[in-house]
Protein backbone atom coordinates (compact mmCIF):
# COMPACT_ATOMS: atom_id res chain seq x y z
CA MET A 1 51.41 -31.67 -5.14
CA PRO A 2 47.79 -30.78 -5.60
CA ASN A 3 46.80 -27.91 -6.01
CA LEU A 4 44.78 -26.24 -3.71
CA THR A 5 41.70 -23.65 -3.96
CA LEU A 6 39.50 -22.26 -1.75
CA ASN A 7 35.61 -20.71 -3.14
CA ILE A 8 34.74 -17.44 -0.97
CA SER A 9 30.94 -16.45 -2.07
CA ALA A 10 29.86 -13.28 -0.92
CA ASP A 11 26.83 -14.46 0.88
CA SER A 12 29.34 -16.63 2.89
CA VAL A 13 31.19 -12.96 3.83
CA ALA A 14 28.12 -11.32 4.04
CA TRP A 15 26.61 -13.34 6.48
CA TYR A 16 30.02 -13.76 8.72
CA GLY A 17 30.33 -9.95 8.76
CA ALA A 18 26.48 -9.63 10.56
CA ILE A 19 27.09 -12.32 12.84
CA VAL A 20 30.51 -10.72 13.88
CA ALA A 21 28.84 -7.88 14.17
CA THR A 22 26.08 -8.80 16.58
CA ILE A 23 28.25 -10.36 18.85
CA SER A 24 30.15 -7.05 18.57
CA MET A 25 27.20 -4.69 19.33
CA ILE A 26 26.37 -7.48 22.25
CA LEU A 27 29.87 -7.48 23.89
CA VAL A 28 30.10 -3.29 23.42
CA SER A 29 26.05 -2.67 25.05
CA TYR A 30 27.20 -5.12 27.81
CA ASN A 31 30.26 -2.93 28.80
CA VAL A 32 28.47 -0.13 28.74
CA TRP A 33 25.46 -1.13 30.85
CA ARG A 34 28.25 -2.82 33.40
CA ASP A 35 30.04 0.52 33.63
CA ARG A 36 26.87 2.89 34.52
CA ALA A 37 26.59 4.07 38.09
CA LYS A 38 24.54 1.59 40.34
CA VAL A 39 23.88 4.15 43.33
CA ILE A 40 22.55 2.65 46.33
CA VAL A 41 20.72 5.08 49.10
CA SER A 42 20.04 3.58 53.02
CA HIS A 43 19.38 5.23 55.84
CA GLN A 44 19.53 4.58 59.27
CA LYS A 45 17.57 6.07 61.76
CA GLY A 46 18.06 6.62 65.83
CA MET A 47 21.88 6.72 65.51
CA LYS A 48 23.75 7.41 68.57
CA ILE A 49 27.91 8.74 68.36
CA ILE A 50 31.16 7.82 70.97
CA ASN A 51 33.92 9.63 71.25
CA ALA A 52 32.10 12.63 69.51
CA ILE A 53 34.19 15.82 68.09
CA PRO A 54 32.64 18.90 67.07
CA PRO A 55 30.38 19.49 65.79
CA TYR A 56 28.80 15.77 66.90
CA SER A 57 27.28 15.53 70.14
CA GLU A 58 27.17 11.83 72.58
CA ASP A 59 23.76 13.09 73.71
CA LYS A 60 21.57 13.40 70.04
CA ASP A 61 20.26 11.00 67.60
CA TYR A 62 21.38 11.13 64.06
CA LEU A 63 20.04 10.29 61.30
CA VAL A 64 22.50 8.48 58.74
CA VAL A 65 22.01 8.50 55.17
CA THR A 66 24.99 6.27 53.35
CA ILE A 67 25.29 6.36 49.75
CA THR A 68 26.95 3.38 47.90
CA ASN A 69 28.34 3.54 44.50
CA LYS A 70 28.39 -0.35 43.36
CA GLY A 71 29.14 0.25 39.94
CA ARG A 72 32.57 1.18 38.19
CA ARG A 73 31.78 4.71 36.54
CA PRO A 74 32.35 7.64 39.04
CA ILE A 75 30.23 9.85 40.63
CA ARG A 76 30.60 13.11 42.51
CA LEU A 77 27.83 13.64 45.53
CA GLY A 78 25.72 17.15 45.42
CA VAL A 79 23.53 17.56 47.47
CA VAL A 80 21.31 14.86 49.91
CA GLY A 81 17.52 16.29 50.80
CA LEU A 82 14.51 15.32 52.78
CA PHE A 83 11.18 15.14 50.59
CA CYS A 84 8.02 15.40 52.29
CA GLU A 85 4.50 14.86 51.29
CA SER A 86 3.36 18.40 51.35
CA GLY A 87 6.06 19.79 49.45
CA GLU A 88 8.12 20.66 51.96
CA SER A 89 12.54 19.57 51.14
CA LEU A 90 14.56 19.43 54.01
CA LEU A 91 18.91 19.30 52.72
CA LEU A 92 21.22 17.54 54.48
CA SER A 93 23.95 20.67 55.60
CA ASN A 94 26.77 17.90 55.73
CA SER A 95 25.97 17.06 51.77
CA LEU A 96 26.20 20.80 51.50
CA LEU A 97 29.98 20.61 52.42
CA ASP A 98 32.80 19.46 48.74
CA ASP A 99 34.01 17.28 49.89
CA PRO A 100 37.09 14.96 48.25
CA LYS A 101 35.15 12.01 50.13
CA ASN A 102 31.81 13.27 47.73
CA ILE A 103 33.68 11.45 44.85
CA LEU A 104 32.51 7.89 44.63
CA ASN A 105 34.99 5.45 42.91
CA GLU A 106 36.12 2.02 43.36
CA GLU A 107 38.93 3.09 45.43
CA ASN A 108 35.52 4.56 47.66
CA PRO A 109 32.83 3.54 46.72
CA GLU A 110 31.01 5.34 49.95
CA ALA A 111 29.94 8.50 51.37
CA THR A 112 28.41 9.15 54.83
CA VAL A 113 25.47 12.41 55.77
CA MET A 114 24.67 12.83 58.74
CA ALA A 115 21.72 14.92 60.38
CA GLU A 116 20.04 15.47 63.86
CA GLN A 117 16.88 13.77 64.40
CA LYS A 118 15.12 16.22 66.08
CA ASP A 119 13.65 18.13 64.02
CA ILE A 120 12.17 15.66 61.18
CA ASP A 121 8.94 13.75 61.13
CA PHE A 122 9.49 10.56 59.19
CA LEU A 123 5.54 10.19 59.02
CA LYS A 124 5.28 13.03 56.68
CA VAL A 125 8.86 12.24 54.77
CA LEU A 126 8.14 10.26 51.64
CA TYR A 127 11.30 10.01 50.44
CA ILE A 128 15.86 10.78 51.08
CA GLN A 129 16.73 11.96 46.81
CA VAL A 130 20.59 12.36 46.13
CA PHE A 131 21.30 14.31 43.72
CA ASP A 132 25.00 13.88 42.12
CA LYS A 133 27.04 17.12 39.77
CA ALA A 134 26.11 15.91 36.80
CA GLY A 135 22.05 15.83 37.50
CA ARG A 136 20.93 12.76 38.26
CA SER A 137 18.78 11.78 41.29
CA TYR A 138 18.70 8.51 43.41
CA LYS A 139 15.38 8.45 46.15
CA GLN A 140 15.45 5.56 48.41
CA TYR A 141 11.56 5.30 50.20
CA LEU A 142 10.96 5.67 53.99
CA SER A 143 7.82 3.15 53.31
CA GLN A 144 6.75 0.35 52.25
CA PHE A 145 4.47 1.85 50.14
CA PRO A 146 4.86 5.25 48.81
CA THR A 147 2.44 4.86 45.55
CA PHE A 148 -0.22 4.23 47.95
CA ARG A 149 0.76 6.80 50.89
CA ARG A 150 0.80 9.37 47.96
CA PHE A 151 -1.80 8.81 46.79
CA TRP A 152 -3.48 9.25 49.99
CA TYR A 153 -2.21 12.56 51.46
CA LYS A 154 -2.71 14.17 47.50
CA ILE A 155 -6.75 13.02 48.18
CA LYS A 156 -6.28 14.75 51.44
CA ASN A 157 -5.11 17.72 50.92
CA TYR A 158 -7.31 18.00 48.00
CA LEU A 159 -10.36 17.80 49.75
CA MET A 160 -9.17 19.66 52.17
CA ASN A 161 -8.72 22.32 50.07
CA LYS A 162 -11.61 22.15 48.28
CA LYS A 163 -13.60 22.37 52.11
CA ASP A 164 -11.09 25.55 52.67
CA ASN A 165 -12.27 27.18 49.64
CA LYS A 166 -15.98 26.79 50.28
């Protein structure tokens, strides 16, 4: 029976370890990236309710904000607000309720917040912002070019303040 010998050098072991460690790091990084919360905020204006139950009415128009978690990590919703270029903030009162449906996970990936639309001037609203209980925020801008619009209103407010100070 022939003698079988196997020679493994230290260089080949080092290369093998480096390759396996690199592949492991890539796989772990991908899993962490895949498991993050991916929150999408969308809205619909002018929605009416059919067969309304209190506190809603069939005669009124509502703003419906839908928050969807497309990721795997669960999030707990905080408050939902509308932010205007004047610096004014409007909180949607439905978001202040501590509802068990406000925990977005794989079984319950979507939550809806509604507000009466009559007091909201959408031309002045820059974006809808959703805060979760961990302090992260998610935005949806209402205009197509939010940076230009924000820049325009800052210049306009600056010129008006300058004119008032004279």
